[in-house]
Amino acid sequence: MTDRETTTRSSLPGGTFRTGDLELTRVGYGAMQLAGPGVFGPPADRDEALAVLRAAVEAGITHIDTAEFYGPHVTNELIREALAPYPDDLHIVTKVGAERDADGNWPHARSPQQLRDQVHQNLRSLGVEVLDIVNLRVGGFDRPEPGSLAEQFGTLADLQCEGLIRHLGVSTVDAEQLAEAQTIAPVVTVQNFYNIANRHDDALIEQTARDGIAYVPYFPLGGFTPLQSGVLASVAARLEATPLAVALAWLLQRSPNILLIPGTSSVAHLRANIAGAALVLPADAVRELDAVG
């Protein structure tokens, strides 16, 4: 790694977090928005989509989140076109356990054979021989669904033993499911729905922080009531910042193991997200925002 790369990474908001043997920038990039409307089909502006991915790496981001079912296939193929051969310190995190249907739904696809097929699809579309991190998507769109994940996570653990996956994670899970997964193989990431107004995972964040596991929240502004949105907007106005910047900054300050994956299809918006996450919230603003949840 060059001195310039070290300086760039350390200058990103929040610095880095080590999970397993991976060093991930706490400000990452989520590639879902690179696909077309409804996360279907190609991007409206392919050149801009490729530019966003290159700009993310140039900014020092080492954590890109994707899935073969985004598009489907679209985001992985864009990542490969834009970034391969991949820098040694770039870690691409993908998800398995779902697919897309013709109505735009995200039905489960979690039989052992489906999971094996998805892992091989990710390997092909990303153009790699081994996947850095594979998250098993267990629950629905924004909340866990009770039940054992042993068969599904065990399948991924087998693929890890076969040398096709380096590290394993879980997505949309509860504490019991995380504990069950940890009896099968080490978990390095938990990716769940969480933000200022949706605080059901507070205890899980504390647990993963103790265990050295990265917690990756998605949809930082989703699901707000008008009152909650009003509080966020008021704090943002007082700090002369955007609501998204405040939301991202609050997450970074919430716990050192929280990693962000805001998505965008615009280079300008990517740079704005990075700059916004650098906002330091004063104590009175944190107290006001904490009360929202």
Protein backbone atom coordinates (compact mmCIF):
# COMPACT_ATOMS: atom_id res chain seq x y z
CA MET A 1 0.00 0.00 0.00
CA THR A 2 1.35 3.43 -0.90
CA ASP A 3 1.60 6.40 1.47
CA ARG A 4 -1.08 8.13 -0.62
CA GLU A 5 -3.49 5.18 -0.21
CA THR A 6 -2.89 5.09 3.54
CA THR A 7 -3.53 8.84 3.82
CA THR A 8 -6.71 8.64 1.72
CA ARG A 9 -8.17 5.78 3.73
CA SER A 10 -7.36 7.37 7.08
CA SER A 11 -8.92 10.65 5.96
CA LEU A 12 -12.32 9.06 5.28
CA PRO A 13 -14.87 9.78 8.02
CA GLY A 14 -14.72 7.23 10.81
CA GLY A 15 -11.47 5.66 9.66
CA THR A 16 -11.47 1.87 9.42
CA PHE A 17 -12.78 -1.14 11.33
CA ARG A 18 -11.11 -4.52 11.53
CA THR A 19 -13.43 -7.53 11.36
CA GLY A 20 -11.82 -10.94 11.11
CA ASP A 21 -8.64 -10.26 9.17
CA LEU A 22 -10.23 -7.57 6.99
CA GLU A 23 -9.66 -3.82 7.35
CA LEU A 24 -12.76 -2.05 6.02
CA THR A 25 -13.33 1.66 5.70
CA ARG A 26 -16.30 2.59 7.87
CA VAL A 27 -17.67 4.66 5.00
CA GLY A 28 -18.32 2.17 2.23
CA TYR A 29 -20.42 2.19 -0.91
CA GLY A 30 -23.65 0.34 -1.68
CA ALA A 31 -24.02 -0.54 -5.36
CA MET A 32 -27.76 -1.30 -5.45
CA GLN A 33 -28.70 2.06 -6.97
CA LEU A 34 -26.49 1.46 -9.98
CA ALA A 35 -29.16 -0.78 -11.50
CA GLY A 36 -32.18 0.61 -13.32
CA PRO A 37 -35.51 1.70 -11.78
CA GLY A 38 -36.77 -0.76 -9.20
CA VAL A 39 -33.27 -2.32 -9.15
CA PHE A 40 -34.03 -3.87 -12.55
CA GLY A 41 -32.05 -3.64 -15.75
CA PRO A 42 -29.13 -1.47 -16.78
CA PRO A 43 -28.36 2.01 -15.41
CA ALA A 44 -29.74 5.08 -17.12
CA ASP A 45 -26.17 6.37 -17.53
CA ARG A 46 -23.64 3.54 -17.78
CA ASP A 47 -20.62 5.84 -17.99
CA GLU A 48 -21.67 7.63 -14.81
CA ALA A 49 -22.23 4.32 -13.03
CA LEU A 50 -18.72 3.21 -13.89
CA ALA A 51 -17.38 6.61 -12.84
CA VAL A 52 -19.08 6.33 -9.43
CA LEU A 53 -17.39 3.01 -8.71
CA ARG A 54 -13.98 4.34 -9.76
CA ALA A 55 -14.51 7.51 -7.72
CA ALA A 56 -15.36 5.44 -4.64
CA VAL A 57 -12.07 3.55 -4.86
CA GLU A 58 -10.14 6.73 -5.64
CA ALA A 59 -11.64 8.28 -2.49
CA GLY A 60 -10.13 5.45 -0.45
CA ILE A 61 -13.23 3.31 0.08
CA THR A 62 -12.32 -0.37 0.56
CA HIS A 63 -15.83 -1.73 1.21
CA ILE A 64 -18.30 -2.14 -1.67
CA ASP A 65 -21.63 -3.86 -1.09
CA THR A 66 -23.44 -5.64 -3.92
CA ALA A 67 -25.57 -8.67 -4.80
CA GLU A 68 -26.05 -10.79 -7.90
CA PHE A 69 -29.81 -10.19 -7.62
CA TYR A 70 -29.35 -6.43 -8.09
CA GLY A 71 -30.35 -5.96 -11.70
CA PRO A 72 -30.13 -8.96 -11.65
CA HIS A 73 -26.45 -9.36 -12.57
CA VAL A 74 -26.12 -5.65 -13.41
CA THR A 75 -24.21 -4.25 -10.44
CA ASN A 76 -21.71 -7.09 -10.30
CA GLU A 77 -20.95 -6.73 -13.99
CA LEU A 78 -20.49 -2.98 -13.58
CA ILE A 79 -18.13 -3.52 -10.65
CA ARG A 80 -16.05 -5.92 -12.71
CA GLU A 81 -15.92 -3.59 -15.71
CA ALA A 82 -15.01 -0.55 -13.62
CA LEU A 83 -12.58 -2.01 -11.11
CA ALA A 84 -11.03 -5.30 -12.24
CA PRO A 85 -8.27 -6.17 -11.71
CA TYR A 86 -9.22 -5.27 -8.17
CA PRO A 87 -6.89 -3.44 -5.76
CA ASP A 88 -5.53 -5.74 -3.07
CA ASP A 89 -7.20 -3.77 -0.28
CA LEU A 90 -10.65 -3.58 -1.92
CA HIS A 91 -13.22 -5.90 -0.35
CA ILE A 92 -16.44 -6.67 -2.18
CA VAL A 93 -19.31 -7.91 -0.02
CA THR A 94 -22.13 -9.76 -1.72
CA LYS A 95 -25.41 -11.34 -0.56
CA VAL A 96 -27.17 -14.60 -1.32
CA GLY A 97 -30.52 -16.03 -0.29
CA ALA A 98 -32.93 -14.10 -2.52
CA GLU A 99 -33.85 -13.61 -6.15
CA ARG A 100 -36.01 -11.25 -8.21
CA ASP A 101 -39.35 -12.16 -9.75
CA ALA A 102 -41.19 -10.52 -12.64
CA ASP A 103 -43.29 -8.41 -10.23
CA GLY A 104 -40.26 -6.87 -8.58
CA ASN A 105 -40.49 -8.90 -5.39
CA TRP A 106 -37.51 -10.43 -3.58
CA PRO A 107 -38.54 -14.05 -2.82
CA HIS A 108 -36.29 -16.32 -0.80
CA ALA A 109 -33.91 -18.58 -2.72
CA ARG A 110 -32.23 -20.48 0.08
CA SER A 111 -32.11 -24.17 -0.70
CA PRO A 112 -28.57 -25.57 -0.53
CA GLN A 113 -28.44 -25.86 -4.32
CA GLN A 114 -29.79 -22.33 -4.84
CA LEU A 115 -27.14 -20.94 -2.49
CA ARG A 116 -24.39 -22.87 -4.25
CA ASP A 117 -25.62 -21.61 -7.60
CA GLN A 118 -25.70 -18.02 -6.36
CA VAL A 119 -22.16 -18.22 -5.03
CA HIS A 120 -20.93 -19.49 -8.40
CA GLN A 121 -22.93 -16.79 -10.20
CA ASN A 122 -21.24 -14.13 -8.05
CA LEU A 123 -17.82 -15.60 -8.75
CA ARG A 124 -18.46 -15.46 -12.50
CA SER A 125 -20.03 -12.02 -12.67
CA LEU A 126 -17.41 -10.40 -10.42
CA GLY A 127 -14.61 -12.27 -12.18
CA VAL A 128 -12.93 -13.64 -9.05
CA GLU A 129 -11.86 -17.07 -7.81
CA VAL A 130 -12.92 -16.42 -4.23
CA LEU A 131 -15.49 -14.05 -2.71
CA ASP A 132 -14.28 -11.81 0.14
CA ILE A 133 -17.51 -11.79 2.17
CA VAL A 134 -20.85 -13.46 1.50
CA ASN A 135 -23.84 -12.40 3.59
CA LEU A 136 -26.72 -14.85 3.96
CA ARG A 137 -29.98 -12.92 3.67
CA VAL A 138 -32.34 -14.56 6.15
CA GLY A 139 -35.33 -12.33 6.83
CA GLY A 140 -37.58 -10.15 4.74
CA PHE A 141 -37.03 -6.71 3.29
CA ASP A 142 -36.61 -4.84 6.58
CA ARG A 143 -36.97 -7.28 9.49
CA PRO A 144 -35.89 -10.76 10.58
CA GLU A 145 -38.12 -13.80 10.24
CA PRO A 146 -37.87 -16.36 13.07
CA GLY A 147 -36.44 -19.77 12.36
CA SER A 148 -33.22 -21.71 12.09
CA LEU A 149 -30.58 -20.74 9.55
CA ALA A 150 -28.40 -23.77 10.23
CA GLU A 151 -28.91 -25.52 6.90
CA GLN A 152 -28.40 -22.37 4.84
CA PHE A 153 -25.44 -21.02 6.79
CA GLY A 154 -23.95 -24.50 6.91
CA THR A 155 -24.04 -24.59 3.11
CA LEU A 156 -22.05 -21.35 2.96
CA ALA A 157 -19.64 -22.69 5.57
CA ASP A 158 -19.07 -25.71 3.32
CA LEU A 159 -18.33 -23.39 0.40
CA GLN A 160 -15.92 -21.50 2.64
CA CYS A 161 -14.14 -24.77 3.40
CA GLU A 162 -13.99 -25.43 -0.33
CA GLY A 163 -12.08 -22.16 -0.76
CA LEU A 164 -14.79 -20.23 -2.62
CA ILE A 165 -15.58 -17.77 0.22
CA ARG A 166 -13.15 -16.10 2.61
CA HIS A 167 -15.57 -14.72 5.21
CA LEU A 168 -19.24 -15.10 6.09
CA GLY A 169 -21.90 -12.67 7.27
CA VAL A 170 -25.64 -12.58 7.87
CA SER A 171 -28.38 -10.12 6.93
CA THR A 172 -31.82 -9.36 8.41
CA VAL A 173 -31.27 -11.59 11.43
CA ASP A 174 -32.09 -11.47 15.13
CA ALA A 175 -29.73 -12.19 18.02
CA GLU A 176 -30.70 -15.86 18.22
CA GLN A 177 -29.97 -16.40 14.53
CA LEU A 178 -26.62 -14.66 14.83
CA ALA A 179 -25.75 -16.87 17.80
CA GLU A 180 -26.76 -19.97 15.83
CA ALA A 181 -24.62 -18.89 12.87
CA GLN A 182 -21.61 -18.37 15.15
CA THR A 183 -21.81 -22.00 16.29
CA ILE A 184 -21.33 -23.05 12.65
CA ALA A 185 -18.65 -20.63 11.41
CA PRO A 186 -17.23 -17.20 12.35
CA VAL A 187 -19.39 -14.21 11.40
CA VAL A 188 -17.66 -10.99 10.36
CA THR A 189 -20.63 -8.82 9.31
CA VAL A 190 -24.28 -8.30 10.26
CA GLN A 191 -26.32 -6.27 7.79
CA ASN A 192 -29.71 -5.20 9.16
CA PHE A 193 -32.27 -2.41 8.80
CA TYR A 194 -31.39 0.31 11.32
CA ASN A 195 -31.41 4.09 11.58
CA ILE A 196 -32.19 6.94 13.95
CA ALA A 197 -35.90 6.15 14.01
CA ASN A 198 -35.67 2.35 13.85
CA ARG A 199 -33.68 1.33 16.89
CA HIS A 200 -34.78 -2.26 17.45
CA ASP A 201 -31.19 -3.48 17.02
CA ASP A 202 -29.58 -1.38 19.75
CA ALA A 203 -28.76 -4.44 21.85
CA LEU A 204 -27.45 -6.33 18.83
CA ILE A 205 -25.14 -3.45 17.97
CA GLU A 206 -23.69 -3.55 21.47
CA GLN A 207 -23.23 -7.32 21.21
CA THR A 208 -21.53 -7.22 17.81
CA ALA A 209 -19.26 -4.41 19.00
CA ARG A 210 -18.14 -6.58 21.90
CA ASP A 211 -17.55 -9.50 19.54
CA GLY A 212 -15.59 -7.46 16.99
CA ILE A 213 -18.24 -7.96 14.28
CA ALA A 214 -19.05 -5.20 11.80
CA TYR A 215 -22.66 -4.00 11.90
CA VAL A 216 -23.79 -2.58 8.55
CA PRO A 217 -27.13 -0.71 8.59
CA TYR A 218 -29.06 -0.18 5.38
CA PHE A 219 -31.69 2.42 4.41
CA PRO A 220 -30.52 5.11 6.87
CA LEU A 221 -33.53 7.38 6.14
CA GLY A 222 -36.25 4.79 5.50
CA GLY A 223 -39.40 4.40 7.60
CA PHE A 224 -39.54 7.78 9.30
CA THR A 225 -42.79 9.30 10.54
CA PRO A 226 -43.44 12.96 9.66
CA LEU A 227 -42.63 13.94 13.25
CA GLN A 228 -39.34 12.06 13.21
CA SER A 229 -38.45 13.53 9.84
CA GLY A 230 -39.22 16.96 11.27
CA VAL A 231 -36.78 16.49 14.14
CA LEU A 232 -34.05 15.33 11.75
CA ALA A 233 -34.70 18.26 9.41
CA SER A 234 -34.62 20.70 12.34
CA VAL A 235 -31.26 19.42 13.57
CA ALA A 236 -29.88 19.47 10.02
CA ALA A 237 -31.01 23.07 9.49
CA ARG A 238 -29.42 24.15 12.75
CA LEU A 239 -26.13 22.55 11.74
CA GLU A 240 -26.38 23.83 8.16
CA ALA A 241 -26.24 20.27 6.88
CA THR A 242 -28.53 17.92 4.98
CA PRO A 243 -30.74 15.37 6.77
CA LEU A 244 -28.78 12.56 5.12
CA ALA A 245 -25.48 13.97 6.38
CA VAL A 246 -26.88 14.12 9.91
CA ALA A 247 -28.24 10.57 9.66
CA LEU A 248 -24.92 9.21 8.42
CA ALA A 249 -22.92 11.12 11.02
CA TRP A 250 -25.22 9.86 13.80
CA LEU A 251 -24.64 6.27 12.71
CA LEU A 252 -20.86 6.70 12.65
CA GLN A 253 -20.96 8.18 16.15
CA ARG A 254 -23.41 5.54 17.41
CA SER A 255 -20.81 2.74 17.66
CA PRO A 256 -17.29 2.17 16.32
CA ASN A 257 -18.31 -1.11 14.64
CA ILE A 258 -21.00 0.51 12.46
CA LEU A 259 -20.04 0.63 8.77
CA LEU A 260 -22.01 2.67 6.23
CA ILE A 261 -22.95 1.69 2.68
CA PRO A 262 -24.88 4.68 1.28
CA GLY A 263 -25.69 4.21 -2.38
CA THR A 264 -25.89 6.59 -5.30
CA SER A 265 -25.55 6.59 -9.07
CA SER A 266 -23.95 10.06 -9.10
CA VAL A 267 -20.30 10.96 -8.53
CA ALA A 268 -21.32 14.31 -7.05
CA HIS A 269 -23.71 12.62 -4.64
CA LEU A 270 -21.04 10.08 -3.67
CA ARG A 271 -18.68 12.90 -2.74
CA ALA A 272 -21.46 14.67 -0.85
CA ASN A 273 -22.17 11.49 1.13
CA ILE A 274 -18.52 11.15 2.10
CA ALA A 275 -18.31 14.80 3.12
CA GLY A 276 -21.62 14.60 4.99
CA ALA A 277 -20.50 11.62 7.05
CA ALA A 278 -17.60 13.74 8.33
CA LEU A 279 -20.04 15.99 10.19
CA VAL A 280 -19.35 15.97 13.94
CA LEU A 281 -22.62 16.15 15.86
CA PRO A 282 -22.55 18.20 19.08
CA ALA A 283 -23.81 16.56 22.25
CA ASP A 284 -27.15 18.42 22.26
CA ALA A 285 -27.89 17.28 18.70
CA VAL A 286 -27.05 13.66 19.61
CA ARG A 287 -29.42 13.80 22.59
CA GLU A 288 -32.20 15.20 20.42
CA LEU A 289 -31.68 12.55 17.76
CA ASP A 290 -31.39 9.74 20.29
CA ALA A 291 -34.84 10.68 21.57
CA VAL A 292 -36.33 10.15 18.10
CA GLY A 293 -35.94 6.39 18.44
